[in-house]
Amino acid sequence: MKNIILIAGLVMSIAAAQASESLAELSKEAKSVIQPFATNLQATLKKGMQESGPEGAILVCNTDAPELAEQASENGWLVRRTSLKTRNADNRPDQWELETLLEFEQRKAAGEDPMSIAKAQVVEGEFRFMKAIPTAEACTACHGSSLNEGVQAKLSQLYPEDQAVGFKVGDLRGAFTLRKVLE
């Protein structure tokens, strides 16, 4: 009987180690999907800002950000962004994302660097991954507390249910959220 218990414990330990290794591999892959998406999104927004100011960046974000997320969603990944305070109603968090965003806020409040906050978990047969997006100085032109009239007008036009304002530099703006069905 002792041998059976020892073998069962060993099998469970091996399975846990393999699951942990698989989680680490999937996390690494998720980060490799986020990096070009984040870089492309930032470059697109910067170009819109340079060409037409914050109002141009808002328009670019409205049209190009969903396309960039769709382009990044390949090889079984679904890529998007979410937040506790969404601009686009289509980006509202699901229950797991909401709980993770609240956890991210707690981790930031406890002193963790927002640039390193991430979470990976298998949920109902899917690998889920989120990486925090801290608010940078450039973000405050469209997401800050003091928005100019042109920005307010463009936001009202394109995002009538906008909640994504009032952020300060260093706040958690939201997170990249990825999911992949496991086979």
Foldseek 3Di string as FASTA:
>chain_A
DVVVVVVVVVVVVVVVVVVVVVQVVVQVVVVVLVVVLVVVLVVQLVVLCVVPNNLRSLVCCLPPNVVSQVVSQPPQKRKDWAAPFAQAPVRHDDPVQVVLRVVLQVVVVVPDQLQPDKDWDQDPQKIKIKHWDFDAPVNQQQAADDHDPSSVVSSCVRRVRGRRHHDDGGHGSTIMMMMGGHD
